[in-house]
Every structure is written in C-alpha cells, then in structure tokens.
Amino acid sequence: MLLRRNEVIRKYGVSNNSLLQWEKDDKLKTYRTPGGHRRYMEDEIKALLGLDSMDDGSFILLRKKQVVEKYRLTYETIRRLQKEGKLNIHRTPGGHGRYLESEVQAALGINMDEHYKRLEQIKKRIKDE
C-alpha cells in the first residue's frame, strides 16, 4: 500500500528528515504521483524499521515522549519496564528509539476494550448528572 508522507510520519513515528535521508541514501524508494507528490510503500517502511516480520499490521510506533504523555508515565518507569524485559525498544535506521503501542499497553496490563468500556460508562454518568 502506498502511503503519503504525513501518514508514514504519524503511523511509524519517523521524521520527514529521516524519510528524505533514507531516500537520499537509497534505502527507501520514493514513488511520485503525477502531481509530483512523494509516496512510500508501507512494506518498505516496515522493512527499514525492522517490523516486516509482524503479521497483523495493527501497530503504531510511539516516541518516548508520546508514551510519557499518552500513558502518563515517567521516563524512569519506561526505563524500568525496559530493564525488566517488559517493554522492547525498536530502533529506526537513524538509531532513534520507538515503542510499539501494543507492547506498551501489554507492559502496563491495559486491556483497551475494557478501557473504552470504562470511558463510555464515565461519559454516560457525567451526561446523566
């Protein structure tokens, strides 16, 4: 599947500079639309990030800061989870660390279905008050 630049950035947590550098270093092939816009093959992005062996495709890569903000963790907690082997860090070709959101949730024992149910119950309770 071909992805736009901003889709690659959002889904895989890589920067625009990384995409341009990979293109320059011939690590990533760029496809151009008739209007000259860049497109990237998702499989090639996955291969570069070492995610090509993942089969379900339902993953999101997060930067450490995104994990801290989204899950309200401290940097120390992330280091501890890594040290305990509960959270893996995935390195981009540029050496930047990324975390699979599903692995973060598993490390924290979060069942997202249960989480969303609780949120709906809270919203309903607030609405009823």
N, C-alpha and C. Protein backbone atom coordinates (compact mmCIF):
# COMPACT_ATOMS: atom_id res chain seq x y z
N MET A 1 0.84 -1.17 0.00
CA MET A 1 0.00 0.00 0.00
C MET A 1 0.90 1.24 0.00
N LEU A 2 0.55 2.20 -0.80
CA LEU A 2 1.30 3.46 -0.85
C LEU A 2 0.79 4.42 0.22
N LEU A 3 1.73 5.04 0.92
CA LEU A 3 1.38 5.97 1.98
C LEU A 3 1.91 7.36 1.67
N ARG A 4 1.15 8.36 2.08
CA ARG A 4 1.61 9.75 1.99
C ARG A 4 2.67 9.97 3.07
N ARG A 5 3.45 11.02 2.89
CA ARG A 5 4.49 11.36 3.85
C ARG A 5 3.93 11.51 5.25
N ASN A 6 2.85 12.28 5.40
CA ASN A 6 2.30 12.50 6.75
C ASN A 6 1.71 11.23 7.35
N GLU A 7 1.25 10.30 6.53
CA GLU A 7 0.76 9.02 7.05
C GLU A 7 1.91 8.19 7.62
N VAL A 8 3.05 8.21 6.92
CA VAL A 8 4.24 7.49 7.40
C VAL A 8 4.71 8.10 8.72
N ILE A 9 4.76 9.42 8.78
CA ILE A 9 5.22 10.12 9.98
C ILE A 9 4.31 9.79 11.16
N ARG A 10 3.01 9.86 10.96
CA ARG A 10 2.05 9.62 12.04
C ARG A 10 2.04 8.17 12.49
N LYS A 11 2.00 7.24 11.53
CA LYS A 11 1.86 5.83 11.88
C LYS A 11 3.14 5.22 12.43
N TYR A 12 4.30 5.63 11.88
CA TYR A 12 5.55 4.97 12.25
C TYR A 12 6.46 5.83 13.11
N GLY A 13 6.09 7.07 13.36
CA GLY A 13 6.87 7.92 14.25
C GLY A 13 8.23 8.32 13.71
N VAL A 14 8.38 8.35 12.40
CA VAL A 14 9.64 8.79 11.82
C VAL A 14 9.49 10.25 11.39
N SER A 15 10.59 10.94 11.25
CA SER A 15 10.52 12.35 10.87
C SER A 15 10.61 12.50 9.35
N ASN A 16 10.20 13.66 8.89
CA ASN A 16 10.31 13.96 7.47
C ASN A 16 11.77 13.93 7.04
N ASN A 17 12.67 14.42 7.90
CA ASN A 17 14.10 14.40 7.59
C ASN A 17 14.61 12.97 7.40
N SER A 18 14.12 12.05 8.23
CA SER A 18 14.52 10.65 8.09
C SER A 18 14.08 10.10 6.74
N LEU A 19 12.86 10.40 6.35
CA LEU A 19 12.36 9.92 5.05
C LEU A 19 13.23 10.45 3.92
N LEU A 20 13.54 11.74 3.98
CA LEU A 20 14.37 12.34 2.93
C LEU A 20 15.79 11.76 2.93
N GLN A 21 16.34 11.51 4.12
CA GLN A 21 17.68 10.93 4.22
C GLN A 21 17.71 9.50 3.68
N TRP A 22 16.69 8.71 4.02
CA TRP A 22 16.61 7.34 3.52
C TRP A 22 16.51 7.33 2.00
N GLU A 23 15.76 8.30 1.48
CA GLU A 23 15.63 8.42 0.02
C GLU A 23 16.99 8.77 -0.59
N LYS A 24 17.68 9.72 0.01
CA LYS A 24 18.99 10.16 -0.47
C LYS A 24 20.01 9.03 -0.42
N ASP A 25 19.95 8.21 0.65
CA ASP A 25 20.89 7.10 0.83
C ASP A 25 20.47 5.84 0.08
N ASP A 26 19.43 5.94 -0.73
CA ASP A 26 18.89 4.80 -1.49
C ASP A 26 18.44 3.65 -0.61
N LYS A 27 18.00 3.97 0.60
CA LYS A 27 17.44 2.94 1.48
C LYS A 27 15.94 2.80 1.28
N LEU A 28 15.34 3.83 0.69
CA LEU A 28 13.89 3.87 0.52
C LEU A 28 13.56 4.42 -0.86
N LYS A 29 12.76 3.66 -1.59
CA LYS A 29 12.34 4.11 -2.91
C LYS A 29 11.12 5.02 -2.77
N THR A 30 11.14 6.11 -3.49
CA THR A 30 10.03 7.05 -3.47
C THR A 30 9.26 6.93 -4.77
N TYR A 31 7.96 6.87 -4.63
CA TYR A 31 7.08 6.84 -5.80
C TYR A 31 6.45 8.21 -5.91
N ARG A 32 6.34 8.70 -7.12
CA ARG A 32 5.79 10.04 -7.35
C ARG A 32 4.42 9.96 -8.01
N THR A 33 3.52 10.80 -7.53
CA THR A 33 2.21 10.91 -8.17
C THR A 33 2.39 11.77 -9.43
N PRO A 34 1.40 11.81 -10.31
CA PRO A 34 1.51 12.69 -11.48
C PRO A 34 1.73 14.15 -11.10
N GLY A 35 1.27 14.54 -9.91
CA GLY A 35 1.47 15.91 -9.43
C GLY A 35 2.81 16.12 -8.76
N GLY A 36 3.65 15.06 -8.66
CA GLY A 36 4.98 15.17 -8.09
C GLY A 36 5.07 14.91 -6.59
N HIS A 37 3.98 14.49 -5.98
CA HIS A 37 3.99 14.21 -4.54
C HIS A 37 4.62 12.85 -4.26
N ARG A 38 5.35 12.80 -3.14
CA ARG A 38 6.02 11.55 -2.76
C ARG A 38 5.03 10.57 -2.13
N ARG A 39 5.24 9.30 -2.45
CA ARG A 39 4.51 8.20 -1.81
C ARG A 39 5.52 7.12 -1.46
N TYR A 40 5.23 6.39 -0.40
CA TYR A 40 6.14 5.36 0.09
C TYR A 40 5.39 4.05 0.25
N MET A 41 6.06 2.95 -0.11
CA MET A 41 5.46 1.63 0.07
C MET A 41 5.54 1.27 1.55
N GLU A 42 4.41 0.89 2.11
CA GLU A 42 4.35 0.56 3.53
C GLU A 42 5.28 -0.61 3.86
N ASP A 43 5.34 -1.60 2.99
CA ASP A 43 6.21 -2.75 3.24
C ASP A 43 7.69 -2.35 3.33
N GLU A 44 8.09 -1.37 2.52
CA GLU A 44 9.48 -0.91 2.54
C GLU A 44 9.77 -0.16 3.85
N ILE A 45 8.80 0.63 4.32
CA ILE A 45 8.96 1.34 5.59
C ILE A 45 9.09 0.32 6.73
N LYS A 46 8.22 -0.68 6.74
CA LYS A 46 8.26 -1.73 7.77
C LYS A 46 9.62 -2.44 7.76
N ALA A 47 10.11 -2.75 6.57
CA ALA A 47 11.40 -3.45 6.46
C ALA A 47 12.53 -2.59 7.03
N LEU A 48 12.52 -1.30 6.70
CA LEU A 48 13.55 -0.40 7.22
C LEU A 48 13.53 -0.31 8.74
N LEU A 49 12.33 -0.36 9.31
CA LEU A 49 12.18 -0.24 10.75
C LEU A 49 12.29 -1.58 11.47
N GLY A 50 12.48 -2.65 10.69
CA GLY A 50 12.59 -3.97 11.29
C GLY A 50 11.26 -4.53 11.74
N LEU A 51 10.19 -4.07 11.13
CA LEU A 51 8.85 -4.51 11.51
C LEU A 51 8.23 -5.42 10.46
N ASP A 52 9.02 -5.83 9.47
CA ASP A 52 8.47 -6.61 8.37
C ASP A 52 8.04 -8.00 8.78
N SER A 53 8.49 -8.48 9.93
CA SER A 53 8.09 -9.81 10.37
C SER A 53 6.76 -9.80 11.12
N MET A 54 6.24 -8.62 11.38
CA MET A 54 4.96 -8.53 12.08
C MET A 54 3.85 -8.80 11.10
N ASP A 55 2.92 -9.65 11.48
CA ASP A 55 1.93 -10.11 10.53
C ASP A 55 0.59 -9.40 10.57
N ASP A 56 0.21 -8.78 11.67
CA ASP A 56 -1.14 -8.26 11.73
C ASP A 56 -1.29 -6.84 11.21
N GLY A 57 -0.22 -6.07 11.16
CA GLY A 57 -0.27 -4.73 10.61
C GLY A 57 -0.97 -3.73 11.51
N SER A 58 -1.46 -4.16 12.66
CA SER A 58 -2.19 -3.25 13.53
C SER A 58 -1.26 -2.73 14.62
N PHE A 59 -0.31 -1.91 14.24
CA PHE A 59 0.63 -1.39 15.21
C PHE A 59 0.87 0.09 14.98
N ILE A 60 1.24 0.73 16.04
CA ILE A 60 1.58 2.15 15.99
C ILE A 60 2.88 2.31 16.77
N LEU A 61 3.83 3.00 16.17
CA LEU A 61 5.10 3.28 16.85
C LEU A 61 5.01 4.63 17.54
N LEU A 62 5.47 4.67 18.77
CA LEU A 62 5.44 5.90 19.55
C LEU A 62 6.85 6.30 19.98
N ARG A 63 7.09 7.60 19.99
CA ARG A 63 8.32 8.11 20.58
C ARG A 63 8.18 8.03 22.10
N LYS A 64 9.30 8.09 22.81
CA LYS A 64 9.27 8.01 24.27
C LYS A 64 8.38 9.11 24.86
N LYS A 65 8.51 10.31 24.33
CA LYS A 65 7.72 11.44 24.83
C LYS A 65 6.22 11.17 24.64
N GLN A 66 5.86 10.55 23.52
CA GLN A 66 4.45 10.23 23.27
C GLN A 66 3.94 9.20 24.28
N VAL A 67 4.78 8.22 24.63
CA VAL A 67 4.40 7.22 25.62
C VAL A 67 4.19 7.90 26.98
N VAL A 68 5.11 8.79 27.34
CA VAL A 68 5.01 9.51 28.62
C VAL A 68 3.71 10.31 28.67
N GLU A 69 3.41 11.04 27.60
CA GLU A 69 2.23 11.90 27.60
C GLU A 69 0.92 11.11 27.52
N LYS A 70 0.88 10.11 26.66
CA LYS A 70 -0.36 9.37 26.44
C LYS A 70 -0.74 8.49 27.64
N TYR A 71 0.28 7.86 28.25
CA TYR A 71 0.00 6.93 29.34
C TYR A 71 0.37 7.48 30.71
N ARG A 72 0.77 8.76 30.74
CA ARG A 72 1.12 9.45 31.99
C ARG A 72 2.14 8.68 32.81
N LEU A 73 3.20 8.29 32.13
CA LEU A 73 4.31 7.59 32.76
C LEU A 73 5.47 8.53 32.96
N THR A 74 6.41 8.13 33.77
CA THR A 74 7.66 8.88 33.89
C THR A 74 8.71 8.19 33.01
N TYR A 75 9.76 8.91 32.70
CA TYR A 75 10.85 8.32 31.92
C TYR A 75 11.49 7.17 32.71
N GLU A 76 11.52 7.31 34.02
CA GLU A 76 12.08 6.26 34.87
C GLU A 76 11.25 4.98 34.77
N THR A 77 9.94 5.11 34.71
CA THR A 77 9.07 3.93 34.57
C THR A 77 9.34 3.22 33.26
N ILE A 78 9.53 3.98 32.20
CA ILE A 78 9.83 3.37 30.90
C ILE A 78 11.16 2.62 30.97
N ARG A 79 12.18 3.24 31.58
CA ARG A 79 13.48 2.56 31.73
C ARG A 79 13.35 1.28 32.55
N ARG A 80 12.55 1.35 33.61
CA ARG A 80 12.35 0.16 34.46
C ARG A 80 11.67 -0.96 33.68
N LEU A 81 10.63 -0.63 32.91
CA LEU A 81 9.94 -1.64 32.11
C LEU A 81 10.88 -2.27 31.08
N GLN A 82 11.75 -1.46 30.51
CA GLN A 82 12.75 -1.98 29.55
C GLN A 82 13.72 -2.92 30.27
N LYS A 83 14.21 -2.49 31.42
CA LYS A 83 15.18 -3.27 32.18
C LYS A 83 14.59 -4.61 32.61
N GLU A 84 13.30 -4.60 32.95
CA GLU A 84 12.61 -5.83 33.37
C GLU A 84 12.24 -6.72 32.18
N GLY A 85 12.48 -6.23 30.98
CA GLY A 85 12.16 -7.01 29.79
C GLY A 85 10.69 -6.99 29.41
N LYS A 86 9.94 -6.05 29.99
CA LYS A 86 8.52 -5.96 29.71
C LYS A 86 8.21 -5.05 28.52
N LEU A 87 9.19 -4.23 28.14
CA LEU A 87 8.98 -3.27 27.06
C LEU A 87 10.22 -3.26 26.17
N ASN A 88 10.00 -3.49 24.90
CA ASN A 88 11.10 -3.50 23.93
C ASN A 88 11.21 -2.15 23.25
N ILE A 89 12.42 -1.75 23.00
CA ILE A 89 12.66 -0.54 22.22
C ILE A 89 13.04 -0.96 20.81
N HIS A 90 12.42 -0.34 19.84
CA HIS A 90 12.71 -0.63 18.44
C HIS A 90 13.48 0.56 17.88
N ARG A 91 14.58 0.31 17.23
CA ARG A 91 15.43 1.38 16.71
C ARG A 91 15.13 1.64 15.23
N THR A 92 15.02 2.91 14.90
CA THR A 92 14.90 3.29 13.50
C THR A 92 16.29 3.17 12.88
N PRO A 93 16.38 3.19 11.56
CA PRO A 93 17.71 3.15 10.94
C PRO A 93 18.61 4.31 11.40
N GLY A 94 18.01 5.40 11.83
CA GLY A 94 18.78 6.52 12.35
C GLY A 94 19.17 6.37 13.81
N GLY A 95 18.74 5.26 14.44
CA GLY A 95 19.10 4.99 15.82
C GLY A 95 18.13 5.50 16.86
N HIS A 96 17.02 6.10 16.42
CA HIS A 96 16.04 6.63 17.37
C HIS A 96 15.17 5.50 17.92
N GLY A 97 14.85 5.59 19.19
CA GLY A 97 14.04 4.56 19.84
C GLY A 97 12.56 4.80 19.63
N ARG A 98 11.84 3.73 19.35
CA ARG A 98 10.39 3.78 19.22
C ARG A 98 9.80 2.61 19.98
N TYR A 99 8.56 2.76 20.40
CA TYR A 99 7.87 1.73 21.17
C TYR A 99 6.58 1.36 20.45
N LEU A 100 6.31 0.06 20.36
CA LEU A 100 5.05 -0.39 19.80
C LEU A 100 3.96 -0.13 20.83
N GLU A 101 2.91 0.55 20.40
CA GLU A 101 1.84 0.88 21.33
C GLU A 101 1.24 -0.37 21.97
N SER A 102 1.09 -1.42 21.19
CA SER A 102 0.52 -2.66 21.74
C SER A 102 1.42 -3.25 22.83
N GLU A 103 2.74 -3.11 22.67
CA GLU A 103 3.67 -3.60 23.70
C GLU A 103 3.61 -2.73 24.96
N VAL A 104 3.44 -1.42 24.77
CA VAL A 104 3.30 -0.52 25.93
C VAL A 104 2.06 -0.91 26.71
N GLN A 105 0.96 -1.11 26.00
CA GLN A 105 -0.29 -1.48 26.66
C GLN A 105 -0.16 -2.82 27.38
N ALA A 106 0.50 -3.78 26.74
CA ALA A 106 0.69 -5.09 27.37
C ALA A 106 1.56 -4.97 28.62
N ALA A 107 2.62 -4.15 28.54
CA ALA A 107 3.51 -3.96 29.69
C ALA A 107 2.78 -3.32 30.86
N LEU A 108 1.81 -2.49 30.55
CA LEU A 108 1.05 -1.80 31.60
C LEU A 108 -0.18 -2.59 32.02
N GLY A 109 -0.43 -3.71 31.34
CA GLY A 109 -1.60 -4.53 31.67
C GLY A 109 -2.90 -3.87 31.27
N ILE A 110 -2.86 -3.11 30.20
CA ILE A 110 -4.06 -2.40 29.75
C ILE A 110 -4.81 -3.25 28.74
N ASN A 111 -6.06 -3.50 29.04
CA ASN A 111 -6.96 -4.14 28.09
C ASN A 111 -7.78 -3.00 27.48
N MET A 112 -7.50 -2.66 26.23
CA MET A 112 -8.12 -1.48 25.64
C MET A 112 -9.63 -1.60 25.52
N ASP A 113 -10.16 -2.80 25.29
CA ASP A 113 -11.61 -2.96 25.22
C ASP A 113 -12.24 -2.57 26.55
N GLU A 114 -11.64 -3.03 27.63
CA GLU A 114 -12.12 -2.71 28.96
C GLU A 114 -11.97 -1.22 29.24
N HIS A 115 -10.87 -0.66 28.80
CA HIS A 115 -10.60 0.76 28.98
C HIS A 115 -11.68 1.61 28.30
N TYR A 116 -12.00 1.28 27.05
CA TYR A 116 -13.02 2.05 26.32
C TYR A 116 -14.40 1.87 26.93
N LYS A 117 -14.71 0.69 27.45
CA LYS A 117 -15.98 0.48 28.14
C LYS A 117 -16.09 1.39 29.35
N ARG A 118 -14.99 1.47 30.13
CA ARG A 118 -14.99 2.32 31.30
C ARG A 118 -15.17 3.79 30.93
N LEU A 119 -14.53 4.21 29.86
CA LEU A 119 -14.68 5.59 29.41
C LEU A 119 -16.12 5.90 29.04
N GLU A 120 -16.77 4.98 28.34
CA GLU A 120 -18.17 5.17 27.96
C GLU A 120 -19.07 5.26 29.18
N GLN A 121 -18.80 4.42 30.18
CA GLN A 121 -19.58 4.47 31.42
C GLN A 121 -19.42 5.81 32.12
N ILE A 122 -18.20 6.30 32.16
CA ILE A 122 -17.94 7.60 32.79
C ILE A 122 -18.65 8.71 32.04
N LYS A 123 -18.55 8.69 30.71
CA LYS A 123 -19.23 9.72 29.90
C LYS A 123 -20.73 9.70 30.14
N LYS A 124 -21.29 8.50 30.21
CA LYS A 124 -22.73 8.37 30.42
C LYS A 124 -23.12 8.91 31.81
N ARG A 125 -22.32 8.58 32.84
CA ARG A 125 -22.58 9.05 34.17
C ARG A 125 -22.54 10.58 34.24
N ILE A 126 -21.57 11.18 33.58
CA ILE A 126 -21.44 12.65 33.56
C ILE A 126 -22.63 13.26 32.84
N LYS A 127 -23.05 12.65 31.76
CA LYS A 127 -24.17 13.15 30.98
C LYS A 127 -25.47 13.10 31.79
N ASP A 128 -25.63 12.03 32.57
CA ASP A 128 -26.84 11.85 33.36
C ASP A 128 -26.93 12.80 34.54
N GLU A 129 -25.79 13.30 35.01
CA GLU A 129 -25.79 14.18 36.18
C GLU A 129 -26.25 15.56 35.88
